[in-house]
N, C-alpha and C. Protein backbone atom coordinates (compact mmCIF):
# COMPACT_ATOMS: atom_id res chain seq x y z
N UNK A 1 -24.57 -10.14 -17.07
CA UNK A 1 -25.18 -8.84 -16.82
C UNK A 1 -24.24 -7.71 -17.21
N UNK A 2 -22.95 -7.90 -16.87
CA UNK A 2 -21.99 -6.83 -17.19
C UNK A 2 -21.92 -6.68 -18.69
N UNK A 3 -22.01 -7.77 -19.44
CA UNK A 3 -21.95 -7.70 -20.89
C UNK A 3 -23.10 -6.86 -21.45
N UNK A 4 -24.29 -7.05 -20.88
CA UNK A 4 -25.42 -6.25 -21.37
C UNK A 4 -25.31 -4.78 -21.00
N UNK A 5 -24.83 -4.52 -19.82
CA UNK A 5 -24.60 -3.15 -19.45
C UNK A 5 -23.65 -2.47 -20.38
N UNK A 6 -22.51 -3.16 -20.70
CA UNK A 6 -21.51 -2.58 -21.58
C UNK A 6 -22.15 -2.33 -22.96
N UNK A 7 -22.88 -3.32 -23.49
CA UNK A 7 -23.49 -3.15 -24.81
C UNK A 7 -24.50 -1.96 -24.79
N UNK A 8 -25.25 -1.86 -23.71
CA UNK A 8 -26.19 -0.77 -23.60
C UNK A 8 -25.46 0.59 -23.59
N UNK A 9 -24.46 0.75 -22.78
CA UNK A 9 -23.70 1.94 -22.71
C UNK A 9 -22.99 2.29 -24.06
N UNK A 10 -22.42 1.25 -24.68
CA UNK A 10 -21.80 1.50 -25.99
C UNK A 10 -22.77 1.91 -27.02
N UNK A 11 -23.98 1.33 -27.04
CA UNK A 11 -24.96 1.71 -28.06
C UNK A 11 -25.46 3.17 -27.81
N UNK A 12 -25.61 3.54 -26.57
CA UNK A 12 -26.03 4.93 -26.27
C UNK A 12 -24.94 5.89 -26.75
N UNK A 13 -23.70 5.53 -26.54
CA UNK A 13 -22.60 6.39 -26.96
C UNK A 13 -22.60 6.59 -28.44
N UNK A 14 -22.79 5.52 -29.18
CA UNK A 14 -22.78 5.60 -30.64
C UNK A 14 -24.01 6.28 -31.20
N UNK A 15 -25.18 6.11 -30.52
CA UNK A 15 -26.37 6.77 -30.99
C UNK A 15 -26.28 8.25 -30.79
N UNK A 16 -25.58 8.67 -29.70
CA UNK A 16 -25.40 10.12 -29.43
C UNK A 16 -24.47 10.80 -30.40
N UNK A 17 -23.69 10.05 -31.12
CA UNK A 17 -22.76 10.61 -32.06
C UNK A 17 -23.47 11.05 -33.35
N UNK A 18 -22.99 12.10 -33.96
CA UNK A 18 -23.61 12.61 -35.15
C UNK A 18 -22.52 13.11 -36.14
N UNK A 19 -22.84 13.14 -37.37
CA UNK A 19 -21.89 13.66 -38.38
C UNK A 19 -22.12 15.14 -38.66
N UNK A 20 -23.05 15.77 -37.96
CA UNK A 20 -23.32 17.20 -38.19
C UNK A 20 -22.12 18.05 -37.91
N UNK A 21 -21.29 17.67 -36.91
CA UNK A 21 -20.13 18.46 -36.60
C UNK A 21 -19.09 18.41 -37.71
N UNK A 22 -19.10 17.40 -38.55
CA UNK A 22 -18.12 17.28 -39.60
C UNK A 22 -18.20 18.45 -40.57
N UNK A 23 -19.43 18.92 -40.85
CA UNK A 23 -19.61 20.01 -41.76
C UNK A 23 -18.97 21.29 -41.21
N UNK A 24 -19.22 21.60 -39.94
CA UNK A 24 -18.68 22.73 -39.28
C UNK A 24 -17.15 22.62 -39.17
N UNK A 25 -16.64 21.44 -38.78
CA UNK A 25 -15.23 21.27 -38.58
C UNK A 25 -14.41 21.40 -39.85
N UNK A 26 -15.07 21.26 -41.01
CA UNK A 26 -14.39 21.42 -42.26
C UNK A 26 -14.07 22.87 -42.59
N UNK A 27 -14.69 23.78 -41.92
CA UNK A 27 -14.44 25.21 -42.17
C UNK A 27 -13.26 25.58 -41.27
N UNK A 28 -12.24 26.18 -41.87
CA UNK A 28 -11.08 26.58 -41.09
C UNK A 28 -11.44 27.69 -40.05
N UNK A 29 -10.76 27.62 -38.94
CA UNK A 29 -11.03 28.59 -37.86
C UNK A 29 -10.89 30.00 -38.39
N UNK A 30 -9.88 30.24 -39.23
CA UNK A 30 -9.63 31.58 -39.75
C UNK A 30 -10.84 32.15 -40.47
N UNK A 31 -11.65 31.25 -41.05
CA UNK A 31 -12.91 31.68 -41.70
C UNK A 31 -14.07 31.74 -40.69
N UNK A 32 -14.11 30.82 -39.71
CA UNK A 32 -15.21 30.81 -38.76
C UNK A 32 -15.26 32.07 -37.90
N UNK A 33 -14.14 32.69 -37.58
CA UNK A 33 -14.14 33.79 -36.63
C UNK A 33 -14.52 35.13 -37.32
N UNK A 34 -14.51 35.17 -38.64
CA UNK A 34 -14.80 36.43 -39.27
C UNK A 34 -16.22 36.85 -38.95
N UNK A 35 -16.39 38.09 -38.51
CA UNK A 35 -17.67 38.67 -38.20
C UNK A 35 -17.61 39.41 -36.89
N UNK A 36 -18.76 39.64 -36.31
CA UNK A 36 -18.93 40.41 -35.08
C UNK A 36 -19.37 39.43 -33.98
N UNK A 37 -18.66 39.53 -32.82
CA UNK A 37 -18.92 38.67 -31.72
C UNK A 37 -19.22 39.50 -30.48
N UNK A 38 -20.33 39.22 -29.82
CA UNK A 38 -20.75 39.97 -28.61
C UNK A 38 -20.30 39.19 -27.38
N UNK A 39 -19.75 39.95 -26.43
CA UNK A 39 -19.26 39.35 -25.19
C UNK A 39 -20.42 38.92 -24.28
N UNK A 40 -20.25 37.68 -23.71
CA UNK A 40 -21.26 37.09 -22.87
C UNK A 40 -20.74 37.10 -21.43
N UNK A 41 -19.52 36.63 -21.21
CA UNK A 41 -18.92 36.57 -19.88
C UNK A 41 -17.42 36.29 -19.97
N UNK A 42 -16.74 36.61 -18.89
CA UNK A 42 -15.32 36.25 -18.71
C UNK A 42 -15.15 35.71 -17.30
N UNK A 43 -14.34 34.64 -17.22
CA UNK A 43 -14.04 34.09 -15.92
C UNK A 43 -12.52 33.90 -15.82
N UNK A 44 -12.01 34.00 -14.63
CA UNK A 44 -10.59 33.86 -14.42
C UNK A 44 -10.13 34.48 -13.12
N UNK A 45 -8.97 35.07 -13.14
CA UNK A 45 -8.35 35.64 -11.99
C UNK A 45 -7.44 34.64 -11.36
N UNK A 46 -6.83 34.99 -10.21
CA UNK A 46 -5.85 34.12 -9.60
C UNK A 46 -6.39 32.74 -9.27
N UNK A 47 -7.57 32.71 -8.71
CA UNK A 47 -8.15 31.36 -8.33
C UNK A 47 -9.16 30.89 -9.37
N UNK A 48 -9.40 31.64 -10.42
CA UNK A 48 -10.28 31.27 -11.52
C UNK A 48 -11.77 31.36 -11.17
N UNK A 49 -12.11 32.04 -10.09
CA UNK A 49 -13.54 32.08 -9.66
C UNK A 49 -14.18 33.41 -9.96
N UNK A 50 -13.46 34.39 -10.48
CA UNK A 50 -14.05 35.67 -10.80
C UNK A 50 -14.80 35.62 -12.08
N UNK A 51 -16.00 36.07 -12.08
CA UNK A 51 -16.84 36.11 -13.35
C UNK A 51 -17.27 37.57 -13.58
N UNK A 52 -17.08 38.00 -14.76
CA UNK A 52 -17.58 39.33 -15.20
C UNK A 52 -18.62 39.11 -16.34
N UNK A 53 -19.67 39.90 -16.32
CA UNK A 53 -20.69 39.89 -17.34
C UNK A 53 -20.99 41.32 -17.76
N UNK A 54 -21.73 41.46 -18.86
CA UNK A 54 -22.17 42.82 -19.18
C UNK A 54 -23.02 43.46 -18.04
N UNK A 55 -23.82 42.67 -17.36
CA UNK A 55 -24.57 43.18 -16.27
C UNK A 55 -23.72 43.60 -15.09
N UNK A 56 -22.77 42.77 -14.74
CA UNK A 56 -21.94 43.09 -13.51
C UNK A 56 -20.94 44.19 -13.77
N UNK A 57 -20.58 44.39 -15.02
CA UNK A 57 -19.64 45.52 -15.32
C UNK A 57 -20.27 46.73 -15.91
N UNK A 58 -21.56 46.64 -16.21
CA UNK A 58 -22.29 47.74 -16.86
C UNK A 58 -21.56 48.17 -18.12
N UNK A 59 -21.11 47.15 -18.90
CA UNK A 59 -20.41 47.47 -20.12
C UNK A 59 -20.79 46.53 -21.25
N UNK A 60 -20.65 47.03 -22.44
CA UNK A 60 -20.86 46.21 -23.63
C UNK A 60 -19.54 46.05 -24.34
N UNK A 61 -19.16 44.79 -24.63
CA UNK A 61 -17.92 44.57 -25.30
C UNK A 61 -18.17 43.73 -26.55
N UNK A 62 -17.36 43.95 -27.57
CA UNK A 62 -17.62 43.32 -28.85
C UNK A 62 -16.28 43.13 -29.59
N UNK A 63 -16.14 42.01 -30.27
CA UNK A 63 -14.94 41.78 -31.13
C UNK A 63 -15.40 41.72 -32.58
N UNK A 64 -14.63 42.33 -33.42
CA UNK A 64 -14.92 42.31 -34.84
C UNK A 64 -13.66 41.77 -35.59
N UNK A 65 -13.83 40.66 -36.29
CA UNK A 65 -12.74 40.04 -37.02
C UNK A 65 -12.95 40.23 -38.55
N UNK A 66 -11.89 40.69 -39.18
CA UNK A 66 -11.80 40.58 -40.64
C UNK A 66 -10.76 39.47 -40.88
N UNK A 67 -10.29 39.34 -42.08
CA UNK A 67 -9.34 38.24 -42.40
C UNK A 67 -8.02 38.49 -41.64
N UNK A 68 -7.69 39.70 -41.30
CA UNK A 68 -6.35 39.90 -40.67
C UNK A 68 -6.36 40.96 -39.54
N UNK A 69 -7.50 41.51 -39.21
CA UNK A 69 -7.59 42.55 -38.13
C UNK A 69 -8.64 42.16 -37.13
N UNK A 70 -8.24 42.32 -35.89
CA UNK A 70 -9.14 42.04 -34.71
C UNK A 70 -9.38 43.41 -34.02
N UNK A 71 -10.62 43.86 -34.03
CA UNK A 71 -10.99 45.12 -33.39
C UNK A 71 -11.76 44.79 -32.10
N UNK A 72 -11.44 45.53 -31.04
CA UNK A 72 -12.15 45.42 -29.78
C UNK A 72 -12.92 46.74 -29.57
N UNK A 73 -14.19 46.56 -29.20
CA UNK A 73 -15.03 47.69 -28.93
C UNK A 73 -15.46 47.60 -27.44
N UNK A 74 -15.39 48.73 -26.76
CA UNK A 74 -15.85 48.83 -25.36
C UNK A 74 -16.88 49.91 -25.31
N UNK A 75 -18.12 49.57 -24.95
CA UNK A 75 -19.25 50.50 -24.93
C UNK A 75 -19.33 51.24 -26.28
N UNK A 76 -19.25 50.46 -27.32
CA UNK A 76 -19.42 50.92 -28.71
C UNK A 76 -18.31 51.83 -29.22
N UNK A 77 -17.19 51.95 -28.47
CA UNK A 77 -16.09 52.78 -28.90
C UNK A 77 -14.92 51.87 -29.18
N UNK A 78 -14.20 52.13 -30.25
CA UNK A 78 -13.03 51.29 -30.62
C UNK A 78 -11.99 51.43 -29.57
N UNK A 79 -11.64 50.26 -28.98
CA UNK A 79 -10.63 50.21 -27.90
C UNK A 79 -9.26 49.78 -28.40
N UNK A 80 -9.21 48.83 -29.37
CA UNK A 80 -7.94 48.41 -29.94
C UNK A 80 -8.20 47.87 -31.35
N UNK A 81 -7.18 47.86 -32.16
CA UNK A 81 -7.25 47.51 -33.53
C UNK A 81 -5.89 46.89 -33.88
N UNK A 82 -5.83 45.53 -33.84
CA UNK A 82 -4.55 44.82 -34.06
C UNK A 82 -4.65 43.78 -35.16
N UNK A 83 -3.56 43.59 -35.87
CA UNK A 83 -3.51 42.48 -36.78
C UNK A 83 -3.33 41.15 -36.01
N UNK A 84 -3.73 40.10 -36.68
CA UNK A 84 -3.68 38.78 -36.00
C UNK A 84 -3.52 37.69 -37.04
N UNK A 85 -3.12 36.51 -36.61
CA UNK A 85 -3.12 35.33 -37.42
C UNK A 85 -3.77 34.20 -36.61
N UNK A 86 -4.23 33.21 -37.29
CA UNK A 86 -4.72 31.97 -36.59
C UNK A 86 -3.64 30.92 -36.91
N UNK A 87 -3.08 30.37 -35.88
CA UNK A 87 -1.97 29.36 -36.06
C UNK A 87 -2.13 28.27 -35.03
N UNK A 88 -1.53 27.12 -35.37
CA UNK A 88 -1.40 26.08 -34.40
C UNK A 88 -0.04 26.29 -33.73
N UNK A 89 -0.12 26.45 -32.39
CA UNK A 89 1.07 26.82 -31.69
C UNK A 89 1.06 26.08 -30.33
N UNK A 90 2.24 25.92 -29.72
CA UNK A 90 2.35 25.23 -28.45
C UNK A 90 1.85 26.14 -27.35
N UNK A 91 0.81 25.73 -26.64
CA UNK A 91 0.19 26.49 -25.60
C UNK A 91 1.09 26.52 -24.33
N UNK A 92 1.21 27.72 -23.81
CA UNK A 92 1.95 27.90 -22.53
C UNK A 92 1.17 27.23 -21.37
N UNK A 93 -0.14 27.32 -21.34
CA UNK A 93 -0.95 26.74 -20.31
C UNK A 93 -1.07 25.23 -20.39
N UNK A 94 -1.27 24.67 -21.59
CA UNK A 94 -1.57 23.30 -21.71
C UNK A 94 -0.38 22.43 -22.24
N UNK A 95 0.64 23.15 -22.67
CA UNK A 95 1.87 22.45 -23.19
C UNK A 95 1.52 21.45 -24.28
N UNK A 96 0.67 21.87 -25.17
CA UNK A 96 0.36 21.03 -26.35
C UNK A 96 0.00 21.98 -27.52
N UNK A 97 0.08 21.48 -28.72
CA UNK A 97 -0.23 22.26 -29.87
C UNK A 97 -1.75 22.51 -30.03
N UNK A 98 -2.14 23.78 -29.97
CA UNK A 98 -3.57 24.15 -30.07
C UNK A 98 -3.71 25.23 -31.08
N UNK A 99 -4.93 25.36 -31.58
CA UNK A 99 -5.22 26.45 -32.49
C UNK A 99 -5.39 27.73 -31.73
N UNK A 100 -4.66 28.78 -32.15
CA UNK A 100 -4.66 30.04 -31.38
C UNK A 100 -4.80 31.23 -32.28
N UNK A 101 -5.27 32.33 -31.66
CA UNK A 101 -5.19 33.65 -32.25
C UNK A 101 -3.94 34.24 -31.74
N UNK A 102 -3.05 34.67 -32.67
CA UNK A 102 -1.83 35.34 -32.27
C UNK A 102 -1.95 36.80 -32.69
N UNK A 103 -2.07 37.72 -31.70
CA UNK A 103 -2.16 39.12 -32.03
C UNK A 103 -0.76 39.71 -32.21
N UNK A 104 -0.72 40.83 -32.97
CA UNK A 104 0.54 41.51 -33.22
C UNK A 104 1.29 41.92 -31.95
N UNK A 105 0.55 42.19 -30.89
CA UNK A 105 1.18 42.60 -29.64
C UNK A 105 1.60 41.41 -28.73
N UNK A 106 1.65 40.22 -29.39
CA UNK A 106 2.08 38.97 -28.71
C UNK A 106 1.12 38.47 -27.74
N UNK A 107 -0.17 38.86 -27.78
CA UNK A 107 -1.19 38.26 -26.94
C UNK A 107 -1.72 37.04 -27.64
N UNK A 108 -1.77 35.91 -26.95
CA UNK A 108 -2.21 34.69 -27.60
C UNK A 108 -3.51 34.21 -26.90
N UNK A 109 -4.45 33.70 -27.73
CA UNK A 109 -5.69 33.17 -27.20
C UNK A 109 -5.96 31.83 -27.84
N UNK A 110 -6.16 30.81 -27.02
CA UNK A 110 -6.61 29.56 -27.51
C UNK A 110 -8.04 29.75 -27.91
N UNK A 111 -8.39 29.18 -29.08
CA UNK A 111 -9.76 29.45 -29.60
C UNK A 111 -10.48 28.10 -29.68
N UNK A 112 -11.74 28.12 -29.20
CA UNK A 112 -12.60 27.01 -29.28
C UNK A 112 -13.97 27.42 -29.68
N UNK A 113 -14.73 26.51 -30.26
CA UNK A 113 -16.12 26.80 -30.63
C UNK A 113 -17.00 25.76 -29.97
N UNK A 114 -18.13 26.20 -29.35
CA UNK A 114 -19.13 25.32 -28.79
C UNK A 114 -20.49 25.84 -29.23
N UNK A 115 -21.20 25.05 -29.98
CA UNK A 115 -22.47 25.47 -30.53
C UNK A 115 -22.30 26.83 -31.26
N UNK A 116 -23.06 27.86 -30.85
CA UNK A 116 -22.91 29.19 -31.55
C UNK A 116 -21.97 30.08 -30.73
N UNK A 117 -21.15 29.49 -29.80
CA UNK A 117 -20.27 30.35 -28.99
C UNK A 117 -18.83 30.19 -29.44
N UNK A 118 -18.10 31.29 -29.28
CA UNK A 118 -16.63 31.28 -29.48
C UNK A 118 -16.06 31.53 -28.06
N UNK A 119 -15.10 30.67 -27.71
CA UNK A 119 -14.45 30.77 -26.41
C UNK A 119 -12.99 31.09 -26.62
N UNK A 120 -12.52 32.17 -26.03
CA UNK A 120 -11.15 32.56 -26.11
C UNK A 120 -10.51 32.44 -24.73
N UNK A 121 -9.43 31.64 -24.67
CA UNK A 121 -8.73 31.40 -23.44
C UNK A 121 -7.38 32.09 -23.53
N UNK A 122 -7.14 33.05 -22.67
CA UNK A 122 -5.85 33.73 -22.64
C UNK A 122 -4.79 32.70 -22.30
N UNK A 123 -3.74 32.65 -23.11
CA UNK A 123 -2.68 31.63 -22.96
C UNK A 123 -1.56 32.18 -21.98
N UNK A 124 -1.97 32.41 -20.72
CA UNK A 124 -1.00 32.89 -19.70
C UNK A 124 -1.60 32.63 -18.35
N UNK A 125 -0.70 32.68 -17.34
CA UNK A 125 -1.17 32.53 -15.98
C UNK A 125 -2.07 33.68 -15.60
N UNK A 126 -3.12 33.36 -14.86
CA UNK A 126 -4.06 34.35 -14.38
C UNK A 126 -4.84 35.08 -15.48
N UNK A 127 -4.84 34.54 -16.71
CA UNK A 127 -5.61 35.16 -17.80
C UNK A 127 -7.05 34.71 -17.65
N UNK A 128 -7.91 35.37 -18.40
CA UNK A 128 -9.33 35.09 -18.40
C UNK A 128 -9.76 34.25 -19.58
N UNK A 129 -10.82 33.55 -19.42
CA UNK A 129 -11.52 32.86 -20.47
C UNK A 129 -12.80 33.62 -20.74
N UNK A 130 -12.93 34.00 -22.07
CA UNK A 130 -14.12 34.84 -22.41
C UNK A 130 -14.97 34.11 -23.46
N UNK A 131 -16.28 34.29 -23.26
CA UNK A 131 -17.23 33.65 -24.15
C UNK A 131 -17.96 34.76 -24.97
N UNK A 132 -18.14 34.45 -26.28
CA UNK A 132 -18.80 35.41 -27.20
C UNK A 132 -19.85 34.66 -28.02
N UNK A 133 -20.89 35.39 -28.44
CA UNK A 133 -21.86 34.84 -29.35
C UNK A 133 -21.79 35.68 -30.65
N UNK A 134 -22.05 35.05 -31.79
CA UNK A 134 -22.00 35.76 -33.05
C UNK A 134 -23.22 36.69 -33.17
N UNK A 135 -22.97 37.89 -33.68
CA UNK A 135 -24.05 38.86 -33.90
C UNK A 135 -24.81 38.53 -35.09
């Protein structure tokens, strides 16, 4: 019986796998981030339980990436304009090499993509994790 259960679980695992992600993963992160990204939410704080959204803050936030400049807009006004690079660097939080956005002001963000979302994790204690969707 255990053999059949194992085969069943293994077959479900392999059926759930797809090669669709291979096409997206072939695109370098430095190219994937170019464009305009609208803020969905941020979570973090000392205990990690604080969540901010456009509704809870009554604000609109947006990131705009070119090949070397990251612009932040707050309520449609330019808030910051910094150069950046995308590099694999050792994360302070996770102590492993991860793909990161390195801003000129030494702010580092671990970058991840899930479906049509970009997730930026501040690489510091008590930093926030923010989620964006492409415009």
